[in-house]
Amino acid sequence: MIFGYLYEKELIKSESKLFDLWCWLAYQRWYQIMLIPTHVVKGYYYNYSSEQIYYFCKGILDNKLYDKRLRR
């Protein structure tokens, strides 16, 4: 979460070690599961339906590809 903020504010550059760490973390299953509560809160904040949030989080737990997470 903090890495996204830093990247958005251009405090992390694409070639930096911190960016590489962020990319490595994004592929780690434990890190993806750890971020589920954040996804739930953001989903309600941005007015996604409970069903969409459920399928998104279920996709993370089932280790599906991102583009298949919200399909029925």
Protein backbone atom coordinates (compact mmCIF):
# COMPACT_ATOMS: atom_id res chain seq x y z
CA MET A 1 0.00 0.00 0.00
CA ILE A 2 2.73 2.44 0.94
CA PHE A 3 4.71 1.48 -2.17
CA GLY A 4 1.79 2.44 -4.40
CA TYR A 5 1.55 5.82 -2.73
CA LEU A 6 5.29 6.42 -3.09
CA TYR A 7 5.22 5.38 -6.74
CA GLU A 8 2.23 7.59 -7.43
CA LYS A 9 4.04 10.59 -5.90
CA GLU A 10 7.10 9.71 -8.03
CA LEU A 11 9.28 9.06 -4.99
CA ILE A 12 10.08 5.57 -6.30
CA LYS A 13 11.63 5.27 -9.75
CA SER A 14 11.13 2.28 -12.02
CA GLU A 15 14.78 1.22 -11.89
CA SER A 16 15.22 1.46 -8.12
CA LYS A 17 15.75 -1.37 -5.63
CA LEU A 18 12.61 -0.32 -3.76
CA PHE A 19 10.56 -0.71 -6.94
CA ASP A 20 12.07 -4.15 -7.48
CA LEU A 21 11.10 -5.08 -3.91
CA TRP A 22 7.55 -3.89 -4.54
CA CYS A 23 7.32 -5.99 -7.72
CA TRP A 24 8.70 -9.03 -5.88
CA LEU A 25 6.15 -8.57 -3.09
CA ALA A 26 3.29 -8.27 -5.58
CA TYR A 27 4.01 -11.82 -6.79
CA GLN A 28 4.18 -13.32 -3.30
CA ARG A 29 1.03 -15.18 -2.33
CA TRP A 30 1.24 -14.27 1.38
CA TYR A 31 1.45 -10.59 0.49
CA GLN A 32 -1.59 -10.80 -1.79
CA ILE A 33 -3.60 -12.51 0.94
CA MET A 34 -2.45 -9.95 3.49
CA LEU A 35 -3.90 -7.16 1.33
CA ILE A 36 -7.43 -8.62 1.17
CA PRO A 37 -8.78 -6.38 3.99
CA THR A 38 -7.45 -3.36 2.10
CA HIS A 39 -9.25 -4.48 -1.05
CA VAL A 40 -12.50 -4.90 0.87
CA VAL A 41 -12.30 -1.42 2.38
CA LYS A 42 -11.36 0.19 -0.94
CA GLY A 43 -14.13 -1.74 -2.70
CA TYR A 44 -16.78 -0.33 -0.37
CA TYR A 45 -15.21 3.12 -0.58
CA TYR A 46 -15.43 3.11 -4.38
CA ASN A 47 -19.01 1.73 -4.26
CA TYR A 48 -18.35 -1.72 -5.71
CA SER A 49 -21.07 -4.25 -4.99
CA SER A 50 -20.51 -6.88 -2.31
CA GLU A 51 -20.64 -9.52 -5.04
CA GLN A 52 -17.80 -7.88 -6.99
CA ILE A 53 -15.68 -7.56 -3.86
CA TYR A 54 -16.40 -11.19 -2.96
CA TYR A 55 -15.36 -12.50 -6.38
CA PHE A 56 -12.26 -10.32 -6.43
CA CYS A 57 -11.13 -11.63 -3.04
CA LYS A 58 -12.11 -15.18 -3.96
CA GLY A 59 -9.95 -14.84 -7.06
CA ILE A 60 -7.00 -13.87 -4.89
CA LEU A 61 -7.54 -16.87 -2.63
CA ASP A 62 -8.03 -19.24 -5.59
CA ASN A 63 -4.91 -17.75 -7.24
CA LYS A 64 -6.73 -16.82 -10.46
CA LEU A 65 -5.40 -14.40 -13.01
CA TYR A 66 -6.42 -10.77 -12.53
CA ASP A 67 -8.53 -10.58 -15.69
CA LYS A 68 -10.60 -13.60 -14.58
CA ARG A 69 -11.34 -12.40 -11.04
CA LEU A 70 -14.54 -10.48 -11.74
CA ARG A 71 -15.98 -12.79 -14.41
CA ARG A 72 -19.03 -14.88 -13.58
